[in-house]
């Protein structure tokens, strides 16, 4: 039997209960130390985000996270799918914006998750870039199965893994699927922070 501990109580599983106060998501998703899902989401819709760090994990394989390639500090660095390792380049902080949208800032670089060049076409790369107020860096959560589709405001397309699930594959924007597919449903999971 797996044991699970609540956020902030030491080692063990991370429980993603994002209590987004004035702009936060609140999926209560537990994962064990290997990243496997422990149960279904308790809340159906995001609430508001507090200033804590989280990873964006694929619901189909929670060991895979959104990661800034090579821990680059540069504008334009691609964001990829990569196995979870606990490093700063795969941790994000959410800043609340109006209308239920958030900016996701990389803990490693301080730059935001961004659709390259403000593009609206399927397949446009998702990168990191200096944070601002453009619609191509504003994201919202749409409940889908046990996770969420992460939808960008500029095109209303979903955060997606190019070519399906695969280590090192680039993240792109792509039309959201009505049912959710393995490469476009995500679990935002709070991660312990050493202060």
N, C-alpha and C. Protein backbone atom coordinates (compact mmCIF):
# COMPACT_ATOMS: atom_id res chain seq x y z
N UNK A 1 0.84 -1.18 0.00
CA UNK A 1 0.00 0.00 0.00
C UNK A 1 0.88 1.24 0.00
N UNK A 2 0.59 2.18 -0.87
CA UNK A 2 1.37 3.40 -0.97
C UNK A 2 0.94 4.37 0.12
N UNK A 3 1.91 5.10 0.65
CA UNK A 3 1.54 6.13 1.62
C UNK A 3 1.67 7.49 0.98
N UNK A 4 0.75 8.37 1.31
CA UNK A 4 0.73 9.71 0.74
C UNK A 4 0.71 10.72 1.85
N UNK A 5 1.47 11.79 1.65
CA UNK A 5 1.51 12.88 2.61
C UNK A 5 1.05 14.14 1.93
N UNK A 6 0.51 15.04 2.69
CA UNK A 6 0.05 16.31 2.13
C UNK A 6 1.23 17.22 1.87
N UNK A 7 1.03 18.18 0.95
CA UNK A 7 2.02 19.19 0.58
C UNK A 7 2.61 19.82 1.83
N UNK A 8 3.91 19.97 1.86
CA UNK A 8 4.59 20.67 2.94
C UNK A 8 4.87 19.81 4.15
N UNK A 9 4.59 18.51 4.11
CA UNK A 9 4.78 17.67 5.28
C UNK A 9 6.00 16.76 5.14
N UNK A 10 6.94 17.13 4.30
CA UNK A 10 8.16 16.35 4.20
C UNK A 10 8.22 15.50 2.96
N UNK A 11 8.93 14.37 3.07
CA UNK A 11 9.14 13.49 1.92
C UNK A 11 7.88 12.71 1.60
N UNK A 12 7.92 12.02 0.50
CA UNK A 12 6.78 11.19 0.10
C UNK A 12 6.10 11.79 -1.11
N UNK A 13 4.84 11.50 -1.22
CA UNK A 13 4.07 11.95 -2.39
C UNK A 13 3.77 13.42 -2.32
N UNK A 14 3.57 13.98 -3.46
CA UNK A 14 3.16 15.37 -3.57
C UNK A 14 1.68 15.37 -3.88
N UNK A 15 0.93 16.11 -3.11
CA UNK A 15 -0.49 16.25 -3.40
C UNK A 15 -0.69 17.59 -4.05
N UNK A 16 -1.23 17.57 -5.24
CA UNK A 16 -1.45 18.82 -5.97
C UNK A 16 -2.79 19.38 -5.56
N UNK A 17 -2.77 20.22 -4.57
CA UNK A 17 -4.01 20.91 -4.24
C UNK A 17 -3.69 22.37 -4.35
N UNK A 18 -3.90 22.87 -5.51
CA UNK A 18 -3.55 24.23 -5.83
C UNK A 18 -4.68 25.10 -5.38
N UNK A 19 -4.55 25.78 -4.28
CA UNK A 19 -5.61 26.62 -3.78
C UNK A 19 -5.46 28.01 -4.32
N UNK A 20 -5.81 28.20 -5.53
CA UNK A 20 -5.59 29.47 -6.20
C UNK A 20 -6.53 30.52 -5.64
N UNK A 21 -6.02 31.33 -4.76
CA UNK A 21 -6.83 32.27 -4.01
C UNK A 21 -7.55 33.27 -4.91
N UNK A 22 -6.84 34.17 -5.53
CA UNK A 22 -7.53 35.13 -6.39
C UNK A 22 -7.22 34.84 -7.84
N UNK A 23 -6.64 33.72 -8.08
CA UNK A 23 -6.32 33.31 -9.44
C UNK A 23 -5.53 32.04 -9.38
N UNK A 24 -6.12 30.96 -8.89
CA UNK A 24 -5.36 29.74 -8.74
C UNK A 24 -6.14 28.53 -9.20
N UNK A 25 -5.41 27.47 -9.58
CA UNK A 25 -6.07 26.24 -9.97
C UNK A 25 -6.09 25.33 -8.76
N UNK A 26 -7.03 24.41 -8.69
CA UNK A 26 -7.14 23.56 -7.52
C UNK A 26 -7.40 22.11 -7.85
N UNK A 27 -6.55 21.50 -8.67
CA UNK A 27 -6.72 20.08 -8.87
C UNK A 27 -6.10 19.34 -7.70
N UNK A 28 -6.80 18.47 -7.07
CA UNK A 28 -6.24 17.69 -5.97
C UNK A 28 -5.79 16.35 -6.52
N UNK A 29 -4.61 16.32 -7.10
CA UNK A 29 -4.08 15.12 -7.72
C UNK A 29 -2.88 14.67 -6.91
N UNK A 30 -2.90 13.43 -6.47
CA UNK A 30 -1.77 12.89 -5.73
C UNK A 30 -0.93 12.04 -6.66
N UNK A 31 0.37 12.11 -6.49
CA UNK A 31 1.27 11.23 -7.21
C UNK A 31 2.23 10.63 -6.20
N UNK A 32 2.69 9.41 -6.49
CA UNK A 32 3.67 8.83 -5.59
C UNK A 32 5.05 9.35 -5.95
N UNK A 33 6.08 8.90 -5.24
CA UNK A 33 7.41 9.45 -5.46
C UNK A 33 7.95 9.15 -6.85
N UNK A 34 7.40 8.16 -7.54
CA UNK A 34 7.82 7.86 -8.91
C UNK A 34 7.00 8.63 -9.93
N UNK A 35 6.01 9.39 -9.47
CA UNK A 35 5.21 10.20 -10.37
C UNK A 35 3.95 9.53 -10.86
N UNK A 36 3.62 8.35 -10.36
CA UNK A 36 2.40 7.67 -10.80
C UNK A 36 1.18 8.28 -10.13
N UNK A 37 0.06 8.40 -10.85
CA UNK A 37 -1.14 8.99 -10.25
C UNK A 37 -1.65 8.12 -9.11
N UNK A 38 -2.07 8.78 -8.04
CA UNK A 38 -2.60 8.06 -6.89
C UNK A 38 -4.11 8.07 -6.86
N UNK A 39 -4.73 8.95 -7.60
CA UNK A 39 -6.19 9.02 -7.60
C UNK A 39 -6.66 10.11 -8.52
N UNK A 40 -7.95 10.24 -8.61
CA UNK A 40 -8.54 11.24 -9.50
C UNK A 40 -8.58 12.60 -8.85
N UNK A 41 -8.72 13.60 -9.67
CA UNK A 41 -8.81 14.99 -9.24
C UNK A 41 -10.04 15.16 -8.35
N UNK A 42 -9.90 15.89 -7.25
CA UNK A 42 -11.02 16.12 -6.35
C UNK A 42 -11.90 17.27 -6.81
N UNK A 43 -11.31 18.30 -7.37
CA UNK A 43 -12.08 19.45 -7.84
C UNK A 43 -12.14 19.42 -9.35
N UNK A 44 -13.26 19.83 -9.91
CA UNK A 44 -13.42 19.80 -11.36
C UNK A 44 -12.87 21.03 -12.04
N UNK A 45 -12.71 22.13 -11.34
CA UNK A 45 -12.29 23.36 -12.01
C UNK A 45 -11.24 24.09 -11.20
N UNK A 46 -10.32 24.77 -11.88
CA UNK A 46 -9.32 25.57 -11.19
C UNK A 46 -9.94 26.70 -10.39
N UNK A 47 -9.26 27.09 -9.32
CA UNK A 47 -9.75 28.20 -8.50
C UNK A 47 -8.82 29.38 -8.61
N UNK A 48 -7.71 29.37 -7.90
CA UNK A 48 -6.75 30.46 -8.00
C UNK A 48 -5.40 29.96 -7.51
N UNK A 49 -4.32 30.51 -8.04
CA UNK A 49 -2.98 30.00 -7.76
C UNK A 49 -2.27 30.81 -6.68
N UNK A 50 -1.59 30.12 -5.80
CA UNK A 50 -0.76 30.78 -4.80
C UNK A 50 0.68 30.71 -5.30
N UNK A 51 1.53 31.52 -4.69
CA UNK A 51 2.93 31.59 -5.15
C UNK A 51 3.71 30.39 -4.64
N UNK A 52 3.59 29.28 -5.31
CA UNK A 52 4.35 28.08 -5.02
C UNK A 52 4.80 27.50 -6.34
N UNK A 53 5.69 26.53 -6.25
CA UNK A 53 6.23 25.93 -7.47
C UNK A 53 5.49 24.65 -7.82
N UNK A 54 5.33 24.44 -9.13
CA UNK A 54 4.66 23.23 -9.60
C UNK A 54 5.33 22.74 -10.87
N UNK A 55 5.05 21.50 -11.22
CA UNK A 55 5.45 20.96 -12.51
C UNK A 55 4.19 20.72 -13.32
N UNK A 56 4.32 20.79 -14.63
CA UNK A 56 3.25 20.39 -15.54
C UNK A 56 3.61 19.00 -16.03
N UNK A 57 2.87 17.99 -15.56
CA UNK A 57 3.15 16.60 -15.90
C UNK A 57 2.09 16.08 -16.86
N UNK A 58 2.50 15.24 -17.78
CA UNK A 58 1.53 14.61 -18.67
C UNK A 58 0.65 13.66 -17.87
N UNK A 59 -0.65 13.75 -18.04
CA UNK A 59 -1.57 12.85 -17.34
C UNK A 59 -1.34 11.40 -17.77
N UNK A 60 -0.96 11.19 -19.03
CA UNK A 60 -0.73 9.84 -19.54
C UNK A 60 0.56 9.22 -19.02
N UNK A 61 1.50 10.04 -18.58
CA UNK A 61 2.76 9.57 -18.00
C UNK A 61 3.31 10.67 -17.09
N UNK A 62 2.87 10.71 -15.82
CA UNK A 62 3.25 11.80 -14.92
C UNK A 62 4.73 11.91 -14.61
N UNK A 63 5.53 10.95 -15.09
CA UNK A 63 6.99 11.09 -14.92
C UNK A 63 7.56 12.05 -15.95
N UNK A 64 6.77 12.45 -16.95
CA UNK A 64 7.21 13.37 -18.00
C UNK A 64 6.68 14.77 -17.72
N UNK A 65 7.56 15.77 -17.78
CA UNK A 65 7.18 17.14 -17.42
C UNK A 65 7.56 18.13 -18.52
N UNK A 66 6.96 19.31 -18.44
CA UNK A 66 7.35 20.44 -19.30
C UNK A 66 8.67 20.98 -18.76
N UNK A 67 9.70 21.04 -19.61
CA UNK A 67 11.06 21.31 -19.19
C UNK A 67 11.70 22.30 -20.17
N UNK A 68 12.39 23.33 -19.66
CA UNK A 68 13.13 24.24 -20.54
C UNK A 68 14.41 23.51 -20.96
N UNK A 69 14.54 23.27 -22.26
CA UNK A 69 15.65 22.46 -22.78
C UNK A 69 17.01 22.99 -22.30
N UNK A 70 17.78 22.08 -21.72
CA UNK A 70 19.15 22.39 -21.31
C UNK A 70 19.26 23.42 -20.21
N UNK A 71 18.17 23.69 -19.49
CA UNK A 71 18.16 24.70 -18.43
C UNK A 71 18.62 26.06 -18.95
N UNK A 72 18.32 26.33 -20.20
CA UNK A 72 18.75 27.58 -20.83
C UNK A 72 18.12 28.81 -20.17
N UNK A 73 18.90 29.89 -20.01
CA UNK A 73 18.35 31.14 -19.51
C UNK A 73 17.89 32.07 -20.64
N UNK A 74 18.02 31.62 -21.89
CA UNK A 74 17.83 32.49 -23.05
C UNK A 74 16.38 32.61 -23.51
N UNK A 75 16.04 33.80 -24.03
CA UNK A 75 14.77 33.96 -24.73
C UNK A 75 14.77 33.01 -25.92
N UNK A 76 13.62 32.41 -26.19
CA UNK A 76 13.48 31.53 -27.34
C UNK A 76 13.88 30.09 -27.08
N UNK A 77 14.37 29.78 -25.88
CA UNK A 77 14.72 28.39 -25.57
C UNK A 77 13.46 27.54 -25.63
N UNK A 78 13.52 26.40 -26.32
CA UNK A 78 12.33 25.56 -26.44
C UNK A 78 11.97 24.88 -25.13
N UNK A 79 10.68 24.64 -24.97
CA UNK A 79 10.18 23.86 -23.84
C UNK A 79 9.85 22.48 -24.40
N UNK A 80 10.32 21.45 -23.72
CA UNK A 80 10.20 20.08 -24.20
C UNK A 80 9.56 19.18 -23.15
N UNK A 81 9.23 17.97 -23.57
CA UNK A 81 8.82 16.93 -22.63
C UNK A 81 10.08 16.22 -22.19
N UNK A 82 10.22 16.00 -20.87
CA UNK A 82 11.43 15.37 -20.37
C UNK A 82 11.13 14.67 -19.06
N UNK A 83 11.87 13.61 -18.73
CA UNK A 83 11.62 12.93 -17.46
C UNK A 83 11.87 13.85 -16.26
N UNK A 84 11.00 13.78 -15.27
CA UNK A 84 11.09 14.59 -14.06
C UNK A 84 12.40 14.29 -13.34
N UNK A 85 13.09 15.36 -12.92
CA UNK A 85 14.33 15.20 -12.16
C UNK A 85 14.40 16.13 -10.95
N UNK A 86 13.44 17.04 -10.83
CA UNK A 86 13.41 17.95 -9.69
C UNK A 86 14.20 19.23 -9.89
N UNK A 87 14.69 19.49 -11.09
CA UNK A 87 15.51 20.67 -11.34
C UNK A 87 14.65 21.92 -11.58
N UNK A 88 15.28 23.08 -11.44
CA UNK A 88 14.57 24.36 -11.56
C UNK A 88 13.99 24.60 -12.95
N UNK A 89 14.60 24.02 -13.99
CA UNK A 89 14.10 24.27 -15.35
C UNK A 89 12.82 23.51 -15.68
N UNK A 90 12.32 22.72 -14.74
CA UNK A 90 11.02 22.06 -14.94
C UNK A 90 10.00 22.49 -13.90
N UNK A 91 10.36 23.46 -13.11
CA UNK A 91 9.43 24.01 -12.11
C UNK A 91 8.92 25.36 -12.58
N UNK A 92 7.69 25.63 -12.25
CA UNK A 92 7.02 26.85 -12.70
C UNK A 92 6.32 27.52 -11.54
N UNK A 93 6.18 28.83 -11.64
CA UNK A 93 5.35 29.60 -10.71
C UNK A 93 4.27 30.26 -11.54
N UNK A 94 3.09 30.37 -11.00
CA UNK A 94 1.97 30.95 -11.75
C UNK A 94 1.65 32.34 -11.22
N UNK A 95 1.57 33.29 -12.14
CA UNK A 95 1.12 34.65 -11.81
C UNK A 95 -0.28 34.79 -12.38
N UNK A 96 -1.20 35.19 -11.53
CA UNK A 96 -2.58 35.35 -11.96
C UNK A 96 -2.74 36.55 -12.88
N UNK A 97 -3.52 36.36 -13.93
CA UNK A 97 -3.90 37.45 -14.84
C UNK A 97 -5.43 37.51 -14.83
N UNK A 98 -6.00 38.44 -15.54
CA UNK A 98 -7.45 38.59 -15.56
C UNK A 98 -8.14 37.46 -16.31
N UNK A 99 -9.39 37.22 -15.97
CA UNK A 99 -10.22 36.28 -16.72
C UNK A 99 -9.87 34.81 -16.55
N UNK A 100 -9.24 34.44 -15.44
CA UNK A 100 -8.90 33.04 -15.22
C UNK A 100 -7.65 32.57 -15.92
N UNK A 101 -6.85 33.50 -16.43
CA UNK A 101 -5.60 33.15 -17.10
C UNK A 101 -4.42 33.34 -16.15
N UNK A 102 -3.31 32.65 -16.47
CA UNK A 102 -2.08 32.71 -15.68
C UNK A 102 -0.88 32.83 -16.60
N UNK A 103 0.19 33.44 -16.08
CA UNK A 103 1.51 33.40 -16.70
C UNK A 103 2.29 32.34 -15.94
N UNK A 104 2.97 31.45 -16.64
CA UNK A 104 3.80 30.43 -16.01
C UNK A 104 5.25 30.84 -16.16
N UNK A 105 5.87 31.14 -15.03
CA UNK A 105 7.26 31.62 -15.02
C UNK A 105 8.19 30.48 -14.61
N UNK A 106 9.23 30.24 -15.43
CA UNK A 106 10.21 29.22 -15.12
C UNK A 106 11.00 29.62 -13.88
N UNK A 107 11.10 28.70 -12.93
CA UNK A 107 11.89 28.96 -11.73
C UNK A 107 13.37 29.09 -12.10
N UNK A 108 13.81 28.35 -13.10
CA UNK A 108 15.22 28.37 -13.49
C UNK A 108 15.67 29.65 -14.17
N UNK A 109 14.80 30.25 -14.99
CA UNK A 109 15.22 31.40 -15.78
C UNK A 109 14.46 32.68 -15.47
N UNK A 110 13.31 32.57 -14.83
CA UNK A 110 12.47 33.74 -14.59
C UNK A 110 11.70 34.18 -15.83
N UNK A 111 11.78 33.40 -16.90
CA UNK A 111 11.06 33.73 -18.14
C UNK A 111 9.75 32.96 -18.20
N UNK A 112 8.83 33.41 -19.08
CA UNK A 112 7.48 32.84 -19.12
C UNK A 112 7.28 31.87 -20.27
N UNK A 113 6.38 30.91 -20.04
CA UNK A 113 5.94 29.98 -21.07
C UNK A 113 5.21 30.78 -22.13
N UNK A 114 5.59 30.62 -23.40
CA UNK A 114 5.19 31.55 -24.45
C UNK A 114 5.04 30.79 -25.77
N UNK A 115 4.04 31.16 -26.57
CA UNK A 115 3.93 30.63 -27.93
C UNK A 115 4.79 31.51 -28.83
N UNK A 116 5.76 30.92 -29.49
CA UNK A 116 6.76 31.66 -30.27
C UNK A 116 6.12 32.64 -31.25
N UNK A 117 6.59 33.88 -31.19
CA UNK A 117 6.17 34.91 -32.13
C UNK A 117 4.70 35.25 -32.11
N UNK A 118 3.97 34.79 -31.11
CA UNK A 118 2.54 35.05 -31.07
C UNK A 118 1.78 34.29 -32.15
N UNK A 119 2.41 33.25 -32.69
CA UNK A 119 1.80 32.47 -33.77
C UNK A 119 0.48 31.84 -33.36
N UNK A 120 -0.38 31.62 -34.34
CA UNK A 120 -1.68 31.00 -34.07
C UNK A 120 -1.85 29.67 -34.80
N UNK A 121 -0.86 29.26 -35.58
CA UNK A 121 -0.96 28.01 -36.36
C UNK A 121 -0.67 26.79 -35.49
N UNK A 122 -1.32 25.67 -35.83
CA UNK A 122 -0.97 24.40 -35.21
C UNK A 122 0.52 24.15 -35.42
N UNK A 123 1.18 23.62 -34.40
CA UNK A 123 2.59 23.28 -34.51
C UNK A 123 3.55 24.38 -34.12
N UNK A 124 3.03 25.57 -33.80
CA UNK A 124 3.92 26.65 -33.36
C UNK A 124 4.59 26.24 -32.06
N UNK A 125 5.91 26.42 -31.99
CA UNK A 125 6.68 26.02 -30.81
C UNK A 125 6.28 26.80 -29.57
N UNK A 126 6.36 26.13 -28.44
CA UNK A 126 6.22 26.78 -27.14
C UNK A 126 7.63 26.95 -26.60
N UNK A 127 7.94 28.17 -26.19
CA UNK A 127 9.28 28.55 -25.76
C UNK A 127 9.19 29.27 -24.42
N UNK A 128 10.34 29.71 -23.92
CA UNK A 128 10.33 30.66 -22.81
C UNK A 128 10.76 32.02 -23.36
N UNK A 129 10.21 33.08 -22.77
CA UNK A 129 10.51 34.43 -23.23
C UNK A 129 10.27 35.38 -22.07
N UNK A 130 10.91 36.58 -22.15
CA UNK A 130 10.69 37.57 -21.10
C UNK A 130 9.19 37.74 -20.85
N UNK A 131 8.82 37.79 -19.58
CA UNK A 131 7.41 37.92 -19.22
C UNK A 131 6.89 39.31 -19.57
N UNK A 132 5.66 39.37 -20.03
CA UNK A 132 5.01 40.62 -20.37
C UNK A 132 3.51 40.48 -20.18
N UNK A 133 2.75 41.10 -21.05
CA UNK A 133 1.29 41.04 -20.95
C UNK A 133 0.63 40.54 -22.23
N UNK A 134 1.39 39.92 -23.11
CA UNK A 134 0.84 39.46 -24.39
C UNK A 134 -0.02 38.21 -24.21
N UNK A 135 -1.02 38.08 -25.07
CA UNK A 135 -1.93 36.94 -25.00
C UNK A 135 -1.25 35.60 -25.25
N UNK A 136 -0.09 35.59 -25.94
CA UNK A 136 0.60 34.33 -26.22
C UNK A 136 1.37 33.78 -25.02
N UNK A 137 1.27 34.43 -23.87
CA UNK A 137 1.86 33.88 -22.65
C UNK A 137 0.82 33.76 -21.54
N UNK A 138 -0.45 33.88 -21.90
CA UNK A 138 -1.53 33.73 -20.92
C UNK A 138 -2.22 32.39 -21.15
N UNK A 139 -2.33 31.61 -20.09
CA UNK A 139 -2.83 30.23 -20.17
C UNK A 139 -3.96 30.02 -19.17
N UNK A 140 -4.88 29.12 -19.51
CA UNK A 140 -5.95 28.73 -18.58
C UNK A 140 -6.08 27.22 -18.58
N UNK A 141 -6.70 26.71 -17.52
CA UNK A 141 -6.90 25.27 -17.36
C UNK A 141 -8.34 24.90 -17.71
N UNK A 142 -8.50 23.86 -18.52
CA UNK A 142 -9.81 23.33 -18.87
C UNK A 142 -9.85 21.88 -18.40
N UNK A 143 -10.74 21.54 -17.44
CA UNK A 143 -10.80 20.17 -16.93
C UNK A 143 -11.04 19.16 -18.05
N UNK A 144 -10.28 18.07 -18.01
CA UNK A 144 -10.40 17.02 -19.02
C UNK A 144 -9.99 15.70 -18.39
N UNK A 145 -10.94 14.83 -18.09
CA UNK A 145 -10.63 13.54 -17.48
C UNK A 145 -10.00 13.73 -16.11
N UNK A 146 -8.84 13.10 -15.89
CA UNK A 146 -8.17 13.25 -14.60
C UNK A 146 -7.23 14.45 -14.55
N UNK A 147 -7.16 15.21 -15.63
CA UNK A 147 -6.24 16.34 -15.69
C UNK A 147 -6.87 17.56 -16.31
N UNK A 148 -6.02 18.33 -16.99
CA UNK A 148 -6.45 19.59 -17.60
C UNK A 148 -5.80 19.77 -18.96
N UNK A 149 -6.53 20.37 -19.88
CA UNK A 149 -5.90 20.91 -21.06
C UNK A 149 -5.45 22.32 -20.68
N UNK A 150 -4.28 22.71 -21.15
CA UNK A 150 -3.71 24.02 -20.86
C UNK A 150 -3.83 24.83 -22.15
N UNK A 151 -4.70 25.85 -22.12
CA UNK A 151 -5.11 26.57 -23.33
C UNK A 151 -4.53 27.98 -23.33
N UNK A 152 -3.89 28.35 -24.44
CA UNK A 152 -3.29 29.69 -24.57
C UNK A 152 -4.35 30.67 -25.09
N UNK A 153 -4.34 31.86 -24.56
CA UNK A 153 -5.35 32.86 -24.90
C UNK A 153 -5.26 33.34 -26.35
N UNK A 154 -4.05 33.49 -26.88
CA UNK A 154 -3.87 34.09 -28.21
C UNK A 154 -4.50 33.29 -29.34
N UNK A 155 -4.58 31.98 -29.21
CA UNK A 155 -5.11 31.14 -30.29
C UNK A 155 -6.21 30.19 -29.84
N UNK A 156 -6.41 30.08 -28.53
CA UNK A 156 -7.36 29.13 -27.95
C UNK A 156 -6.98 27.68 -28.31
N UNK A 157 -5.66 27.45 -28.46
CA UNK A 157 -5.15 26.10 -28.73
C UNK A 157 -4.49 25.55 -27.47
N UNK A 158 -4.27 24.24 -27.47
CA UNK A 158 -3.76 23.54 -26.29
C UNK A 158 -2.25 23.34 -26.32
N UNK A 159 -1.67 23.31 -25.12
CA UNK A 159 -0.29 22.88 -24.94
C UNK A 159 -0.24 21.40 -25.29
N UNK A 160 0.68 21.02 -26.17
CA UNK A 160 0.68 19.70 -26.78
C UNK A 160 2.12 19.24 -26.98
N UNK A 161 2.35 17.93 -26.92
CA UNK A 161 3.66 17.37 -27.22
C UNK A 161 3.70 17.01 -28.70
N UNK A 162 4.63 17.61 -29.44
CA UNK A 162 4.74 17.37 -30.89
C UNK A 162 4.97 15.90 -31.20
N UNK A 163 4.20 15.37 -32.13
CA UNK A 163 4.41 13.99 -32.58
C UNK A 163 3.99 12.94 -31.58
N UNK A 164 3.25 13.31 -30.58
CA UNK A 164 2.85 12.36 -29.55
C UNK A 164 3.85 12.35 -28.41
N UNK A 165 3.64 11.48 -27.48
CA UNK A 165 4.46 11.43 -26.28
C UNK A 165 5.83 10.85 -26.62
N UNK A 166 6.91 11.54 -26.22
CA UNK A 166 8.26 11.06 -26.46
C UNK A 166 9.28 11.95 -25.79
N UNK A 167 10.26 11.36 -25.14
CA UNK A 167 11.28 12.11 -24.41
C UNK A 167 12.01 13.06 -25.36
N UNK A 168 12.08 14.33 -24.97
CA UNK A 168 12.77 15.34 -25.75
C UNK A 168 11.93 16.00 -26.82
N UNK A 169 10.70 15.52 -27.02
CA UNK A 169 9.83 16.14 -28.02
C UNK A 169 9.48 17.56 -27.61
N UNK A 170 9.41 18.44 -28.60
CA UNK A 170 9.07 19.85 -28.35
C UNK A 170 7.61 19.99 -27.94
N UNK A 171 7.35 21.00 -27.10
CA UNK A 171 5.97 21.37 -26.81
C UNK A 171 5.55 22.38 -27.85
N UNK A 172 4.32 22.23 -28.30
CA UNK A 172 3.75 23.09 -29.33
C UNK A 172 2.34 23.48 -28.91
N UNK A 173 1.72 24.35 -29.69
CA UNK A 173 0.29 24.56 -29.54
C UNK A 173 -0.40 23.79 -30.66
N UNK A 174 -1.57 23.25 -30.34
CA UNK A 174 -2.32 22.47 -31.33
C UNK A 174 -3.79 22.52 -30.96
N UNK A 175 -4.65 22.29 -31.96
CA UNK A 175 -6.08 22.29 -31.66
C UNK A 175 -6.37 21.38 -30.48
N UNK A 176 -7.18 21.85 -29.56
CA UNK A 176 -7.59 21.05 -28.40
C UNK A 176 -8.53 19.94 -28.88
N UNK A 177 -8.36 18.75 -28.34
CA UNK A 177 -9.25 17.65 -28.69
C UNK A 177 -10.43 17.62 -27.72
N UNK A 178 -11.63 17.30 -28.20
CA UNK A 178 -12.80 17.29 -27.32
C UNK A 178 -12.67 16.27 -26.19
N UNK A 179 -12.06 15.13 -26.47
CA UNK A 179 -11.97 14.07 -25.47
C UNK A 179 -10.67 14.11 -24.68
N UNK A 180 -9.68 14.86 -25.13
CA UNK A 180 -8.36 14.84 -24.50
C UNK A 180 -7.59 13.63 -25.00
N UNK A 181 -6.34 13.82 -25.36
CA UNK A 181 -5.49 12.73 -25.84
C UNK A 181 -4.21 12.71 -25.00
N UNK A 182 -3.43 11.61 -25.07
CA UNK A 182 -2.27 11.48 -24.19
C UNK A 182 -1.28 12.64 -24.24
N UNK A 183 -1.19 13.35 -25.37
CA UNK A 183 -0.19 14.42 -25.44
C UNK A 183 -0.77 15.82 -25.24
N UNK A 184 -2.04 15.94 -24.76
CA UNK A 184 -2.54 17.29 -24.47
C UNK A 184 -3.31 17.41 -23.16
N UNK A 185 -3.18 16.42 -22.29
CA UNK A 185 -3.81 16.51 -20.96
C UNK A 185 -2.69 16.49 -19.92
N UNK A 186 -2.74 17.48 -19.02
CA UNK A 186 -1.65 17.73 -18.07
C UNK A 186 -2.15 17.69 -16.63
N UNK A 187 -1.22 17.40 -15.72
CA UNK A 187 -1.46 17.46 -14.28
C UNK A 187 -0.56 18.54 -13.69
N UNK A 188 -1.11 19.64 -13.20
CA UNK A 188 -0.27 20.59 -12.47
C UNK A 188 -0.04 20.04 -11.06
N UNK A 189 1.20 19.77 -10.71
CA UNK A 189 1.53 19.13 -9.44
C UNK A 189 2.44 20.03 -8.62
N UNK A 190 1.99 20.40 -7.42
CA UNK A 190 2.83 21.20 -6.52
C UNK A 190 4.06 20.40 -6.14
N UNK A 191 5.18 21.07 -6.09
CA UNK A 191 6.45 20.43 -5.75
C UNK A 191 7.00 21.06 -4.47
N UNK A 192 7.64 20.24 -3.62
CA UNK A 192 8.25 20.78 -2.40
C UNK A 192 9.33 21.80 -2.75
N UNK A 193 9.45 22.82 -1.94
CA UNK A 193 10.45 23.86 -2.14
C UNK A 193 11.32 23.92 -0.89
N UNK A 194 12.64 23.88 -1.09
CA UNK A 194 13.56 24.04 0.04
C UNK A 194 13.82 25.51 0.25
N UNK A 195 13.36 26.05 1.36
CA UNK A 195 13.56 27.47 1.66
C UNK A 195 14.72 27.68 2.60
